[in-house]
């Protein structure tokens, strides 16, 4: 394989990894929160989400701005009365 083709393949992996880790993973907390609330108590706390979202919850506990963004995003999925 030529070096140019190897470089393109490498950048493709970087792009997909970036998309999954920094875009799809954080956005998936909304549907997970929806299903968690649908199956249990609708007034579940954000901190009670399972281990896969622990890094997001940890960041939001330490940042007021991120906590506000996450709260609004989760309200979109499960609006409280």
PDB file of N, CA and C in Angstrom:
ATOM      1  N   UNK A   1       0.826  -1.174   0.000  1.00  0.00           N
ATOM      2  CA  UNK A   1       0.000   0.000   0.000  1.00  0.00           C
ATOM      3  C   UNK A   1       0.879   1.249   0.000  1.00  0.00           C
ATOM      4  N   UNK A   2       0.414   2.242  -0.663  1.00  0.00           N
ATOM      5  CA  UNK A   2       1.182   3.481  -0.719  1.00  0.00           C
ATOM      6  C   UNK A   2       1.039   4.239   0.606  1.00  0.00           C
ATOM      7  N   UNK A   3       1.999   5.133   0.839  1.00  0.00           N
ATOM      8  CA  UNK A   3       1.967   5.932   2.067  1.00  0.00           C
ATOM      9  C   UNK A   3       0.752   6.842   2.106  1.00  0.00           C
ATOM     10  N   UNK A   4       0.360   7.361   0.959  1.00  0.00           N
ATOM     11  CA  UNK A   4      -0.804   8.256   0.901  1.00  0.00           C
ATOM     12  C   UNK A   4      -2.078   7.519   1.321  1.00  0.00           C
ATOM     13  N   UNK A   5      -2.225   6.291   0.902  1.00  0.00           N
ATOM     14  CA  UNK A   5      -3.408   5.511   1.252  1.00  0.00           C
ATOM     15  C   UNK A   5      -3.407   5.174   2.753  1.00  0.00           C
ATOM     16  N   UNK A   6      -2.242   4.883   3.311  1.00  0.00           N
ATOM     17  CA  UNK A   6      -2.142   4.608   4.742  1.00  0.00           C
ATOM     18  C   UNK A   6      -2.505   5.845   5.550  1.00  0.00           C
ATOM     19  N   UNK A   7      -2.082   7.026   5.088  1.00  0.00           N
ATOM     20  CA  UNK A   7      -2.396   8.270   5.790  1.00  0.00           C
ATOM     21  C   UNK A   7      -3.902   8.526   5.775  1.00  0.00           C
ATOM     22  N   UNK A   8      -4.535   8.302   4.641  1.00  0.00           N
ATOM     23  CA  UNK A   8      -5.977   8.501   4.552  1.00  0.00           C
ATOM     24  C   UNK A   8      -6.717   7.550   5.485  1.00  0.00           C
ATOM     25  N   UNK A   9      -6.280   6.311   5.544  1.00  0.00           N
ATOM     26  CA  UNK A   9      -6.921   5.332   6.421  1.00  0.00           C
ATOM     27  C   UNK A   9      -6.761   5.750   7.879  1.00  0.00           C
ATOM     28  N   UNK A  10      -5.575   6.237   8.242  1.00  0.00           N
ATOM     29  CA  UNK A  10      -5.318   6.675   9.610  1.00  0.00           C
ATOM     30  C   UNK A  10      -6.219   7.847   9.982  1.00  0.00           C
ATOM     31  N   UNK A  11      -6.330   8.827   9.083  1.00  0.00           N
ATOM     32  CA  UNK A  11      -7.176   9.993   9.362  1.00  0.00           C
ATOM     33  C   UNK A  11      -8.654   9.610   9.429  1.00  0.00           C
ATOM     34  N   UNK A  12      -9.048   8.619   8.683  1.00  0.00           N
ATOM     35  CA  UNK A  12     -10.432   8.148   8.743  1.00  0.00           C
ATOM     36  C   UNK A  12     -10.730   7.591  10.130  1.00  0.00           C
ATOM     37  N   UNK A  13      -9.807   6.799  10.675  1.00  0.00           N
ATOM     38  CA  UNK A  13      -9.980   6.262  12.022  1.00  0.00           C
ATOM     39  C   UNK A  13     -10.011   7.379  13.063  1.00  0.00           C
ATOM     40  N   UNK A  14      -9.174   8.376  12.905  1.00  0.00           N
ATOM     41  CA  UNK A  14      -9.167   9.507  13.837  1.00  0.00           C
ATOM     42  C   UNK A  14     -10.515  10.222  13.781  1.00  0.00           C
ATOM     43  N   UNK A  15     -11.031  10.439  12.595  1.00  0.00           N
ATOM     44  CA  UNK A  15     -12.316  11.119  12.439  1.00  0.00           C
ATOM     45  C   UNK A  15     -13.460  10.357  13.073  1.00  0.00           C
ATOM     46  N   UNK A  16     -13.543   9.072  12.809  1.00  0.00           N
ATOM     47  CA  UNK A  16     -14.616   8.262  13.380  1.00  0.00           C
ATOM     48  C   UNK A  16     -14.503   8.175  14.900  1.00  0.00           C
ATOM     49  N   UNK A  17     -13.296   8.031  15.399  1.00  0.00           N
ATOM     50  CA  UNK A  17     -13.089   7.975  16.844  1.00  0.00           C
ATOM     51  C   UNK A  17     -13.512   9.276  17.495  1.00  0.00           C
ATOM     52  N   UNK A  18     -13.135  10.404  16.901  1.00  0.00           N
ATOM     53  CA  UNK A  18     -13.523  11.710  17.415  1.00  0.00           C
ATOM     54  C   UNK A  18     -15.042  11.842  17.427  1.00  0.00           C
ATOM     55  N   UNK A  19     -15.695  11.438  16.356  1.00  0.00           N
ATOM     56  CA  UNK A  19     -17.147  11.522  16.259  1.00  0.00           C
ATOM     57  C   UNK A  19     -17.821  10.711  17.357  1.00  0.00           C
ATOM     58  N   UNK A  20     -17.374   9.499  17.553  1.00  0.00           N
ATOM     59  CA  UNK A  20     -18.000   8.626  18.540  1.00  0.00           C
ATOM     60  C   UNK A  20     -17.744   9.120  19.959  1.00  0.00           C
ATOM     61  N   UNK A  21     -16.500   9.446  20.275  1.00  0.00           N
ATOM     62  CA  UNK A  21     -16.146   9.792  21.648  1.00  0.00           C
ATOM     63  C   UNK A  21     -16.669  11.169  22.059  1.00  0.00           C
ATOM     64  N   UNK A  22     -16.551  12.148  21.194  1.00  0.00           N
ATOM     65  CA  UNK A  22     -16.869  13.512  21.587  1.00  0.00           C
ATOM     66  C   UNK A  22     -18.246  14.003  21.123  1.00  0.00           C
ATOM     67  N   UNK A  23     -18.939  13.241  20.293  1.00  0.00           N
ATOM     68  CA  UNK A  23     -20.253  13.681  19.829  1.00  0.00           C
ATOM     69  C   UNK A  23     -21.328  12.653  20.197  1.00  0.00           C
ATOM     70  N   UNK A  24     -21.217  11.446  19.702  1.00  0.00           N
ATOM     71  CA  UNK A  24     -22.275  10.460  19.907  1.00  0.00           C
ATOM     72  C   UNK A  24     -22.380   9.972  21.355  1.00  0.00           C
ATOM     73  N   UNK A  25     -21.248   9.768  22.013  1.00  0.00           N
ATOM     74  CA  UNK A  25     -21.274   9.298  23.400  1.00  0.00           C
ATOM     75  C   UNK A  25     -21.968  10.312  24.316  1.00  0.00           C
ATOM     76  N   UNK A  26     -21.584  11.595  24.304  1.00  0.00           N
ATOM     77  CA  UNK A  26     -22.299  12.536  25.173  1.00  0.00           C
ATOM     78  C   UNK A  26     -23.777  12.707  24.802  1.00  0.00           C
ATOM     79  N   UNK A  27     -24.101  12.665  23.512  1.00  0.00           N
ATOM     80  CA  UNK A  27     -25.500  12.819  23.111  1.00  0.00           C
ATOM     81  C   UNK A  27     -26.354  11.604  23.484  1.00  0.00           C
ATOM     82  N   UNK A  28     -25.722  10.457  23.671  1.00  0.00           N
ATOM     83  CA  UNK A  28     -26.482   9.250  23.988  1.00  0.00           C
ATOM     84  C   UNK A  28     -26.992   9.238  25.425  1.00  0.00           C
ATOM     85  N   UNK A  29     -26.547  10.178  26.252  1.00  0.00           N
ATOM     86  CA  UNK A  29     -27.033  10.217  27.636  1.00  0.00           C
ATOM     87  C   UNK A  29     -28.517  10.586  27.683  1.00  0.00           C
ATOM     88  N   UNK A  30     -28.995  11.359  26.709  1.00  0.00           N
ATOM     89  CA  UNK A  30     -30.405  11.742  26.676  1.00  0.00           C
ATOM     90  C   UNK A  30     -31.334  10.548  26.504  1.00  0.00           C
ATOM     91  N   UNK A  31     -31.146   9.750  25.456  1.00  0.00           N
ATOM     92  CA  UNK A  31     -31.999   8.554  25.319  1.00  0.00           C
ATOM     93  C   UNK A  31     -31.839   7.573  26.479  1.00  0.00           C
ATOM     94  N   UNK A  32     -30.633   7.447  27.015  1.00  0.00           N
ATOM     95  CA  UNK A  32     -30.432   6.550  28.158  1.00  0.00           C
ATOM     96  C   UNK A  32     -31.216   7.048  29.370  1.00  0.00           C
ATOM     97  N   UNK A  33     -31.203   8.357  29.589  1.00  0.00           N
ATOM     98  CA  UNK A  33     -31.952   8.945  30.689  1.00  0.00           C
ATOM     99  C   UNK A  33     -33.447   8.748  30.480  1.00  0.00           C
ATOM    100  N   UNK A  34     -33.902   8.900  29.249  1.00  0.00           N
ATOM    101  CA  UNK A  34     -35.318   8.691  28.930  1.00  0.00           C
ATOM    102  C   UNK A  34     -35.748   7.267  29.273  1.00  0.00           C
ATOM    103  N   UNK A  35     -34.975   6.291  28.800  1.00  0.00           N
ATOM    104  CA  UNK A  35     -35.336   4.902  29.054  1.00  0.00           C
ATOM    105  C   UNK A  35     -35.225   4.554  30.531  1.00  0.00           C
ATOM    106  N   UNK A  36     -34.246   5.112  31.206  1.00  0.00           N
ATOM    107  CA  UNK A  36     -34.098   4.860  32.636  1.00  0.00           C
ATOM    108  C   UNK A  36     -35.309   5.400  33.385  1.00  0.00           C
ATOM    109  N   UNK A  37     -35.789   6.587  33.009  1.00  0.00           N
ATOM    110  CA  UNK A  37     -36.960   7.171  33.665  1.00  0.00           C
ATOM    111  C   UNK A  37     -38.231   6.421  33.294  1.00  0.00           C
ATOM    112  N   UNK A  38     -38.309   5.924  32.085  1.00  0.00           N
ATOM    113  CA  UNK A  38     -39.497   5.192  31.649  1.00  0.00           C
ATOM    114  C   UNK A  38     -39.634   3.861  32.394  1.00  0.00           C
ATOM    115  N   UNK A  39     -38.500   3.290  32.770  1.00  0.00           N
ATOM    116  CA  UNK A  39     -38.527   1.993  33.442  1.00  0.00           C
ATOM    117  C   UNK A  39     -38.569   2.099  34.957  1.00  0.00           C
ATOM    118  N   UNK A  40     -38.306   3.291  35.504  1.00  0.00           N
ATOM    119  CA  UNK A  40     -38.288   3.444  36.956  1.00  0.00           C
ATOM    120  C   UNK A  40     -38.893   4.788  37.345  1.00  0.00           C
ATOM    121  N   UNK A  41     -38.463   5.332  38.445  1.00  0.00           N
ATOM    122  CA  UNK A  41     -38.975   6.590  38.981  1.00  0.00           C
ATOM    123  C   UNK A  41     -38.662   7.751  38.046  1.00  0.00           C
ATOM    124  N   UNK A  42     -39.657   8.545  37.646  1.00  0.00           N
ATOM    125  CA  UNK A  42     -39.395   9.654  36.719  1.00  0.00           C
ATOM    126  C   UNK A  42     -38.579  10.777  37.331  1.00  0.00           C
ATOM    127  N   UNK A  43     -38.453  10.836  38.655  1.00  0.00           N
ATOM    128  CA  UNK A  43     -37.688  11.899  39.300  1.00  0.00           C
ATOM    129  C   UNK A  43     -36.319  11.404  39.736  1.00  0.00           C
ATOM    130  N   UNK A  44     -35.710  10.639  38.881  1.00  0.00           N
ATOM    131  CA  UNK A  44     -34.394  10.080  39.153  1.00  0.00           C
ATOM    132  C   UNK A  44     -33.334  11.184  39.061  1.00  0.00           C
ATOM    133  N   UNK A  45     -32.357  11.102  39.898  1.00  0.00           N
ATOM    134  CA  UNK A  45     -31.291  12.111  39.886  1.00  0.00           C
ATOM    135  C   UNK A  45     -30.304  11.816  38.764  1.00  0.00           C
ATOM    136  N   UNK A  46     -29.677  12.883  38.245  1.00  0.00           N
ATOM    137  CA  UNK A  46     -28.686  12.717  37.179  1.00  0.00           C
ATOM    138  C   UNK A  46     -27.547  11.832  37.652  1.00  0.00           C
ATOM    139  N   UNK A  47     -27.126  11.977  38.891  1.00  0.00           N
ATOM    140  CA  UNK A  47     -26.005  11.209  39.421  1.00  0.00           C
ATOM    141  C   UNK A  47     -26.278   9.728  39.533  1.00  0.00           C
ATOM    142  N   UNK A  48     -27.517   9.325  39.362  1.00  0.00           N
ATOM    143  CA  UNK A  48     -27.859   7.912  39.483  1.00  0.00           C
ATOM    144  C   UNK A  48     -27.760   7.158  38.163  1.00  0.00           C
ATOM    145  N   UNK A  49     -27.279   7.802  37.116  1.00  0.00           N
ATOM    146  CA  UNK A  49     -27.088   7.071  35.862  1.00  0.00           C
ATOM    147  C   UNK A  49     -25.948   6.077  36.038  1.00  0.00           C
ATOM    148  N   UNK A  50     -26.003   5.022  35.281  1.00  0.00           N
ATOM    149  CA  UNK A  50     -25.045   3.931  35.447  1.00  0.00           C
ATOM    150  C   UNK A  50     -23.622   4.316  35.076  1.00  0.00           C
ATOM    151  N   UNK A  51     -22.734   3.412  35.300  1.00  0.00           N
ATOM    152  CA  UNK A  51     -21.302   3.619  35.107  1.00  0.00           C
ATOM    153  C   UNK A  51     -20.884   4.114  33.722  1.00  0.00           C
ATOM    154  N   UNK A  52     -21.548   3.751  32.631  1.00  0.00           N
ATOM    155  CA  UNK A  52     -21.076   4.251  31.330  1.00  0.00           C
ATOM    156  C   UNK A  52     -21.067   5.769  31.214  1.00  0.00           C
ATOM    157  N   UNK A  53     -21.902   6.435  31.969  1.00  0.00           N
ATOM    158  CA  UNK A  53     -21.963   7.892  31.889  1.00  0.00           C
ATOM    159  C   UNK A  53     -21.297   8.568  33.077  1.00  0.00           C
ATOM    160  N   UNK A  54     -20.556   7.830  33.871  1.00  0.00           N
ATOM    161  CA  UNK A  54     -19.867   8.399  35.027  1.00  0.00           C
ATOM    162  C   UNK A  54     -18.915   9.536  34.649  1.00  0.00           C
ATOM    163  N   UNK A  55     -18.160   9.455  33.539  1.00  0.00           N
ATOM    164  CA  UNK A  55     -17.288  10.586  33.192  1.00  0.00           C
ATOM    165  C   UNK A  55     -18.065  11.871  32.891  1.00  0.00           C
ATOM    166  N   UNK A  56     -19.211  11.754  32.255  1.00  0.00           N
ATOM    167  CA  UNK A  56     -20.016  12.935  31.947  1.00  0.00           C
ATOM    168  C   UNK A  56     -20.588  13.521  33.236  1.00  0.00           C
ATOM    169  N   UNK A  57     -21.102  12.667  34.104  1.00  0.00           N
ATOM    170  CA  UNK A  57     -21.655  13.129  35.373  1.00  0.00           C
ATOM    171  C   UNK A  57     -20.551  13.769  36.211  1.00  0.00           C
ATOM    172  N   UNK A  58     -19.369  13.182  36.219  1.00  0.00           N
ATOM    173  CA  UNK A  58     -18.242  13.729  36.973  1.00  0.00           C
ATOM    174  C   UNK A  58     -17.889  15.131  36.483  1.00  0.00           C
ATOM    175  N   UNK A  59     -17.826  15.312  35.169  1.00  0.00           N
ATOM    176  CA  UNK A  59     -17.530  16.639  34.613  1.00  0.00           C
ATOM    177  C   UNK A  59     -18.619  17.648  34.962  1.00  0.00           C
ATOM    178  N   UNK A  60     -19.853  17.231  34.898  1.00  0.00           N
ATOM    179  CA  UNK A  60     -20.965  18.154  35.163  1.00  0.00           C
ATOM    180  C   UNK A  60     -21.055  18.531  36.637  1.00  0.00           C
ATOM    181  N   UNK A  61     -20.623  17.654  37.529  1.00  0.00           N
ATOM    182  CA  UNK A  61     -20.608  17.986  38.948  1.00  0.00           C
ATOM    183  C   UNK A  61     -19.555  19.047  39.268  1.00  0.00           C
ATOM    184  N   UNK A  62     -18.552  19.179  38.425  1.00  0.00           N
ATOM    185  CA  UNK A  62     -17.466  20.112  38.673  1.00  0.00           C
ATOM    186  C   UNK A  62     -17.566  21.403  37.861  1.00  0.00           C
ATOM    187  N   UNK A  63     -18.507  21.469  36.950  1.00  0.00           N
ATOM    188  CA  UNK A  63     -18.653  22.649  36.107  1.00  0.00           C
ATOM    189  C   UNK A  63     -20.106  23.107  36.108  1.00  0.00           C
ATOM    190  N   UNK A  64     -20.319  24.322  36.547  1.00  0.00           N
ATOM    191  CA  UNK A  64     -21.674  24.867  36.585  1.00  0.00           C
ATOM    192  C   UNK A  64     -22.248  25.017  35.175  1.00  0.00           C
ATOM    193  N   UNK A  65     -21.415  25.406  34.233  1.00  0.00           N
ATOM    194  CA  UNK A  65     -21.859  25.589  32.847  1.00  0.00           C
ATOM    195  C   UNK A  65     -22.280  24.251  32.237  1.00  0.00           C
ATOM    196  N   UNK A  66     -21.421  23.239  32.366  1.00  0.00           N
ATOM    197  CA  UNK A  66     -21.760  21.918  31.823  1.00  0.00           C
ATOM    198  C   UNK A  66     -22.979  21.328  32.518  1.00  0.00           C
ATOM    199  N   UNK A  67     -23.111  21.579  33.807  1.00  0.00           N
ATOM    200  CA  UNK A  67     -24.274  21.077  34.535  1.00  0.00           C
ATOM    201  C   UNK A  67     -25.555  21.704  33.998  1.00  0.00           C
ATOM    202  N   UNK A  68     -25.519  22.988  33.688  1.00  0.00           N
ATOM    203  CA  UNK A  68     -26.683  23.648  33.117  1.00  0.00           C
ATOM    204  C   UNK A  68     -27.031  23.112  31.741  1.00  0.00           C
ATOM    205  N   UNK A  69     -25.995  22.901  30.921  1.00  0.00           N
ATOM    206  CA  UNK A  69     -26.214  22.359  29.574  1.00  0.00           C
ATOM    207  C   UNK A  69     -26.815  20.959  29.660  1.00  0.00           C
ATOM    208  N   UNK A  70     -26.252  20.129  30.539  1.00  0.00           N
ATOM    209  CA  UNK A  70     -26.764  18.765  30.681  1.00  0.00           C
ATOM    210  C   UNK A  70     -28.196  18.772  31.204  1.00  0.00           C
ATOM    211  N   UNK A  71     -28.487  19.636  32.162  1.00  0.00           N
ATOM    212  CA  UNK A  71     -29.849  19.702  32.702  1.00  0.00           C
ATOM    213  C   UNK A  71     -30.856  20.079  31.620  1.00  0.00           C
ATOM    214  N   UNK A  72     -30.526  21.060  30.800  1.00  0.00           N
ATOM    215  CA  UNK A  72     -31.432  21.468  29.722  1.00  0.00           C
ATOM    216  C   UNK A  72     -31.582  20.352  28.688  1.00  0.00           C
ATOM    217  N   UNK A  73     -30.485  19.670  28.383  1.00  0.00           N
ATOM    218  CA  UNK A  73     -30.541  18.572  27.412  1.00  0.00           C
ATOM    219  C   UNK A  73     -31.403  17.428  27.942  1.00  0.00           C
ATOM    220  N   UNK A  74     -31.254  17.094  29.222  1.00  0.00           N
ATOM    221  CA  UNK A  74     -32.058  16.017  29.791  1.00  0.00           C
ATOM    222  C   UNK A  74     -33.518  16.433  29.941  1.00  0.00           C
ATOM    223  N   UNK A  75     -33.773  17.716  30.183  1.00  0.00           N
ATOM    224  CA  UNK A  75     -35.163  18.202  30.223  1.00  0.00           C
ATOM    225  C   UNK A  75     -35.831  18.070  28.862  1.00  0.00           C
ATOM    226  N   UNK A  76     -35.042  18.170  27.799  1.00  0.00           N
ATOM    227  CA  UNK A  76     -35.579  17.954  26.455  1.00  0.00           C
ATOM    228  C   UNK A  76     -36.096  16.528  26.315  1.00  0.00           C
ATOM    229  N   UNK A  77     -35.373  15.567  26.873  1.00  0.00           N
ATOM    230  CA  UNK A  77     -35.752  14.161  26.761  1.00  0.00           C
ATOM    231  C   UNK A  77     -36.832  13.780  27.765  1.00  0.00           C
ATOM    232  N   UNK A  78     -36.757  14.303  28.992  1.00  0.00           N
ATOM    233  CA  UNK A  78     -37.729  13.967  30.024  1.00  0.00           C
ATOM    234  C   UNK A  78     -38.123  15.269  30.715  1.00  0.00           C
ATOM    235  N   UNK A  79     -39.113  15.981  30.187  1.00  0.00           N
ATOM    236  CA  UNK A  79     -39.526  17.236  30.839  1.00  0.00           C
ATOM    237  C   UNK A  79     -40.246  16.948  32.148  1.00  0.00           C
ATOM    238  N   UNK A  80     -39.870  17.700  33.155  1.00  0.00           N
ATOM    239  CA  UNK A  80     -40.522  17.546  34.455  1.00  0.00           C
ATOM    240  C   UNK A  80     -41.764  18.412  34.505  1.00  0.00           C
ATOM    241  N   UNK A  81     -42.826  17.914  35.137  1.00  0.00           N
ATOM    242  CA  UNK A  81     -44.078  18.687  35.199  1.00  0.00           C
ATOM    243  C   UNK A  81     -43.951  19.909  36.087  1.00  0.00           C
TER     244      UNK A  81
END
